[in-house]
Amino acid sequence: MKITLGNPASAPQPLSPYYSQVARVEQADGSALLFLSGQIAEGDTLAEQSRGVFETIDALLTAHGATLADVINIRTYLTDIGRLAEYGAVRREFLTGTPPTSMTFEVPRLFREEAQIEVEVVAAVPAPK
């Protein structure tokens, strides 16, 4: 098993130098698991921030040969759980197949005060054919 931590140059860079955005765990058969750090995004509304988050997640996955269809687990942190439906509408724009396992939490505050949402995912990348 090989573990690689890093920040793909082709994706938006992290907000802090103290973490890696992606941990890639290579499996013996050539498949891999990708663990993405929580992502936040700029925007005035929850919908704008949610879109930005999923665009960043998509870029990070793409840099590792994966797609949003490879997401097997998603954890969402909202500062207002009452707006879950608004987030859910955006999420369905990006995750269009069978939904991954999921957890959603309400939190009092995130990494940046203006952030309304943070999302972290795990993806399973198939072995090359």
C-alpha atoms as a PDB file:
ATOM      1  CA  MET A   1       0.000   0.000   0.000  1.00  0.00           C
ATOM      2  CA  LYS A   2       1.323   3.429  -0.950  1.00  0.00           C
ATOM      3  CA  ILE A   3       0.009   6.664   0.559  1.00  0.00           C
ATOM      4  CA  THR A   4       0.569  10.009  -1.150  1.00  0.00           C
ATOM      5  CA  LEU A   5      -0.408  13.350   0.379  1.00  0.00           C
ATOM      6  CA  GLY A   6      -0.535  16.539  -1.636  1.00  0.00           C
ATOM      7  CA  ASN A   7      -2.144  19.446  -3.393  1.00  0.00           C
ATOM      8  CA  PRO A   8      -2.564  18.988  -7.162  1.00  0.00           C
ATOM      9  CA  ALA A   9      -1.247  21.996  -9.092  1.00  0.00           C
ATOM     10  CA  SER A  10      -4.243  21.791 -11.452  1.00  0.00           C
ATOM     11  CA  ALA A  11      -6.750  22.405  -8.630  1.00  0.00           C
ATOM     12  CA  PRO A  12      -7.381  25.410  -6.384  1.00  0.00           C
ATOM     13  CA  GLN A  13      -4.703  25.574  -3.704  1.00  0.00           C
ATOM     14  CA  PRO A  14      -5.489  25.152   0.014  1.00  0.00           C
ATOM     15  CA  LEU A  15      -6.236  28.152   2.190  1.00  0.00           C
ATOM     16  CA  SER A  16      -3.478  27.184   4.606  1.00  0.00           C
ATOM     17  CA  PRO A  17      -0.069  25.502   4.268  1.00  0.00           C
ATOM     18  CA  TYR A  18      -0.830  23.258   7.242  1.00  0.00           C
ATOM     19  CA  TYR A  19      -2.766  20.504   5.469  1.00  0.00           C
ATOM     20  CA  SER A  20      -2.899  18.475   2.276  1.00  0.00           C
ATOM     21  CA  GLN A  21      -6.082  18.532   0.245  1.00  0.00           C
ATOM     22  CA  VAL A  22      -5.833  14.923  -0.934  1.00  0.00           C
ATOM     23  CA  ALA A  23      -4.609  11.663   0.542  1.00  0.00           C
ATOM     24  CA  ARG A  24      -4.328   8.963  -2.131  1.00  0.00           C
ATOM     25  CA  VAL A  25      -4.150   5.383  -0.854  1.00  0.00           C
ATOM     26  CA  GLU A  26      -3.033   3.009  -3.618  1.00  0.00           C
ATOM     27  CA  GLN A  27      -4.341  -0.555  -3.416  1.00  0.00           C
ATOM     28  CA  ALA A  28      -2.497  -3.678  -4.614  1.00  0.00           C
ATOM     29  CA  ASP A  29      -4.840  -4.090  -7.603  1.00  0.00           C
ATOM     30  CA  GLY A  30      -4.119  -0.562  -8.905  1.00  0.00           C
ATOM     31  CA  SER A  31      -7.294   0.984  -7.544  1.00  0.00           C
ATOM     32  CA  ALA A  32      -7.082   3.834  -5.049  1.00  0.00           C
ATOM     33  CA  LEU A  33      -9.023   5.563  -2.326  1.00  0.00           C
ATOM     34  CA  LEU A  34      -8.980   9.360  -2.274  1.00  0.00           C
ATOM     35  CA  PHE A  35      -9.628  11.208   0.971  1.00  0.00           C
ATOM     36  CA  LEU A  36     -10.308  14.905   0.370  1.00  0.00           C
ATOM     37  CA  SER A  37      -9.972  17.494   3.112  1.00  0.00           C
ATOM     38  CA  GLY A  38     -12.980  19.654   3.855  1.00  0.00           C
ATOM     39  CA  GLN A  39     -13.548  22.287   1.168  1.00  0.00           C
ATOM     40  CA  ILE A  40     -15.061  25.741   1.534  1.00  0.00           C
ATOM     41  CA  ALA A  41     -15.628  28.345  -1.176  1.00  0.00           C
ATOM     42  CA  GLU A  42     -16.308  32.024  -1.637  1.00  0.00           C
ATOM     43  CA  GLY A  43     -19.761  33.352  -2.388  1.00  0.00           C
ATOM     44  CA  ASP A  44     -22.505  35.393  -0.798  1.00  0.00           C
ATOM     45  CA  THR A  45     -25.166  32.689  -0.745  1.00  0.00           C
ATOM     46  CA  LEU A  46     -25.173  29.085   0.376  1.00  0.00           C
ATOM     47  CA  ALA A  47     -25.898  28.029  -3.217  1.00  0.00           C
ATOM     48  CA  GLU A  48     -22.875  29.967  -4.549  1.00  0.00           C
ATOM     49  CA  GLN A  49     -20.609  28.507  -1.878  1.00  0.00           C
ATOM     50  CA  SER A  50     -21.967  24.995  -2.489  1.00  0.00           C
ATOM     51  CA  ARG A  51     -21.281  25.253  -6.227  1.00  0.00           C
ATOM     52  CA  GLY A  52     -17.762  26.486  -5.548  1.00  0.00           C
ATOM     53  CA  VAL A  53     -17.146  23.615  -3.148  1.00  0.00           C
ATOM     54  CA  PHE A  54     -18.275  20.992  -5.661  1.00  0.00           C
ATOM     55  CA  GLU A  55     -16.260  22.623  -8.457  1.00  0.00           C
ATOM     56  CA  THR A  56     -13.135  22.395  -6.268  1.00  0.00           C
ATOM     57  CA  ILE A  57     -13.906  18.796  -5.312  1.00  0.00           C
ATOM     58  CA  ASP A  58     -14.376  17.963  -8.993  1.00  0.00           C
ATOM     59  CA  ALA A  59     -10.996  19.544  -9.841  1.00  0.00           C
ATOM     60  CA  LEU A  60      -9.235  17.623  -7.061  1.00  0.00           C
ATOM     61  CA  LEU A  61     -10.805  14.340  -8.170  1.00  0.00           C
ATOM     62  CA  THR A  62      -9.993  15.004 -11.829  1.00  0.00           C
ATOM     63  CA  ALA A  63      -6.341  15.580 -10.920  1.00  0.00           C
ATOM     64  CA  HIS A  64      -6.315  12.014  -9.586  1.00  0.00           C
ATOM     65  CA  GLY A  65      -8.176  10.370 -12.466  1.00  0.00           C
ATOM     66  CA  ALA A  66     -11.511  10.283 -10.649  1.00  0.00           C
ATOM     67  CA  THR A  67     -14.922  11.871 -11.141  1.00  0.00           C
ATOM     68  CA  LEU A  68     -17.781  12.882  -8.899  1.00  0.00           C
ATOM     69  CA  ALA A  69     -19.370   9.526  -9.807  1.00  0.00           C
ATOM     70  CA  ASP A  70     -16.526   7.863  -7.855  1.00  0.00           C
ATOM     71  CA  VAL A  71     -17.528   9.543  -4.569  1.00  0.00           C
ATOM     72  CA  ILE A  72     -18.530   6.883  -2.037  1.00  0.00           C
ATOM     73  CA  ASN A  73     -18.866   9.023   1.103  1.00  0.00           C
ATOM     74  CA  ILE A  74     -19.652  12.672   1.721  1.00  0.00           C
ATOM     75  CA  ARG A  75     -19.664  14.665   4.947  1.00  0.00           C
ATOM     76  CA  THR A  76     -21.308  18.071   4.952  1.00  0.00           C
ATOM     77  CA  TYR A  77     -21.048  20.733   7.626  1.00  0.00           C
ATOM     78  CA  LEU A  78     -23.654  23.517   7.521  1.00  0.00           C
ATOM     79  CA  THR A  79     -23.878  26.555   9.770  1.00  0.00           C
ATOM     80  CA  ASP A  80     -27.680  26.457   9.364  1.00  0.00           C
ATOM     81  CA  ILE A  81     -29.255  22.994   8.992  1.00  0.00           C
ATOM     82  CA  GLY A  82     -32.527  24.748   8.156  1.00  0.00           C
ATOM     83  CA  ARG A  83     -31.028  25.451   4.716  1.00  0.00           C
ATOM     84  CA  LEU A  84     -30.374  21.787   3.946  1.00  0.00           C
ATOM     85  CA  ALA A  85     -32.815  21.791   1.009  1.00  0.00           C
ATOM     86  CA  GLU A  86     -30.948  24.695  -0.639  1.00  0.00           C
ATOM     87  CA  TYR A  87     -27.669  22.786  -0.365  1.00  0.00           C
ATOM     88  CA  GLY A  88     -29.365  19.561  -1.477  1.00  0.00           C
ATOM     89  CA  ALA A  89     -30.558  21.160  -4.717  1.00  0.00           C
ATOM     90  CA  VAL A  90     -26.990  22.143  -5.631  1.00  0.00           C
ATOM     91  CA  ARG A  91     -25.608  18.782  -4.524  1.00  0.00           C
ATOM     92  CA  ARG A  92     -28.018  17.008  -6.903  1.00  0.00           C
ATOM     93  CA  GLU A  93     -26.621  19.093  -9.795  1.00  0.00           C
ATOM     94  CA  PHE A  94     -23.189  17.557  -9.185  1.00  0.00           C
ATOM     95  CA  LEU A  95     -23.960  14.094  -7.768  1.00  0.00           C
ATOM     96  CA  THR A  96     -26.402  12.737 -10.321  1.00  0.00           C
ATOM     97  CA  GLY A  97     -26.127   8.970  -9.930  1.00  0.00           C
ATOM     98  CA  THR A  98     -26.766   6.717  -6.972  1.00  0.00           C
ATOM     99  CA  PRO A  99     -26.133   8.870  -3.902  1.00  0.00           C
ATOM    100  CA  PRO A 100     -23.038   8.095  -1.821  1.00  0.00           C
ATOM    101  CA  THR A 101     -23.168   7.356   1.891  1.00  0.00           C
ATOM    102  CA  SER A 102     -23.678  10.658   3.623  1.00  0.00           C
ATOM    103  CA  MET A 103     -23.600  12.546   6.891  1.00  0.00           C
ATOM    104  CA  THR A 104     -24.676  16.138   7.451  1.00  0.00           C
ATOM    105  CA  PHE A 105     -23.929  18.147  10.571  1.00  0.00           C
ATOM    106  CA  GLU A 106     -24.881  21.577  11.837  1.00  0.00           C
ATOM    107  CA  VAL A 107     -21.909  23.448  13.278  1.00  0.00           C
ATOM    108  CA  PRO A 108     -21.705  26.882  14.895  1.00  0.00           C
ATOM    109  CA  ARG A 109     -18.792  28.096  12.765  1.00  0.00           C
ATOM    110  CA  LEU A 110     -16.338  26.973  10.084  1.00  0.00           C
ATOM    111  CA  PHE A 111     -12.692  27.712   9.183  1.00  0.00           C
ATOM    112  CA  ARG A 112     -13.605  31.137   7.822  1.00  0.00           C
ATOM    113  CA  GLU A 113     -16.321  33.174   9.490  1.00  0.00           C
ATOM    114  CA  GLU A 114     -18.143  33.862   6.196  1.00  0.00           C
ATOM    115  CA  ALA A 115     -18.220  30.169   5.257  1.00  0.00           C
ATOM    116  CA  GLN A 116     -21.680  28.621   5.417  1.00  0.00           C
ATOM    117  CA  ILE A 117     -20.702  25.129   4.238  1.00  0.00           C
ATOM    118  CA  GLU A 118     -17.763  22.722   4.238  1.00  0.00           C
ATOM    119  CA  VAL A 119     -17.733  19.381   2.418  1.00  0.00           C
ATOM    120  CA  GLU A 120     -15.276  16.482   2.573  1.00  0.00           C
ATOM    121  CA  VAL A 121     -15.463  13.339   0.449  1.00  0.00           C
ATOM    122  CA  VAL A 122     -13.964   9.908  -0.022  1.00  0.00           C
ATOM    123  CA  ALA A 123     -13.756   8.523  -3.561  1.00  0.00           C
ATOM    124  CA  ALA A 124     -12.891   5.071  -4.892  1.00  0.00           C
ATOM    125  CA  VAL A 125     -10.847   5.157  -8.093  1.00  0.00           C
ATOM    126  CA  PRO A 126     -11.075   1.963 -10.162  1.00  0.00           C
ATOM    127  CA  ALA A 127      -7.928   0.163 -11.257  1.00  0.00           C
ATOM    128  CA  PRO A 128      -6.753   1.025 -14.778  1.00  0.00           C
ATOM    129  CA  LYS A 129      -7.981  -1.415 -17.414  1.00  0.00           C
END
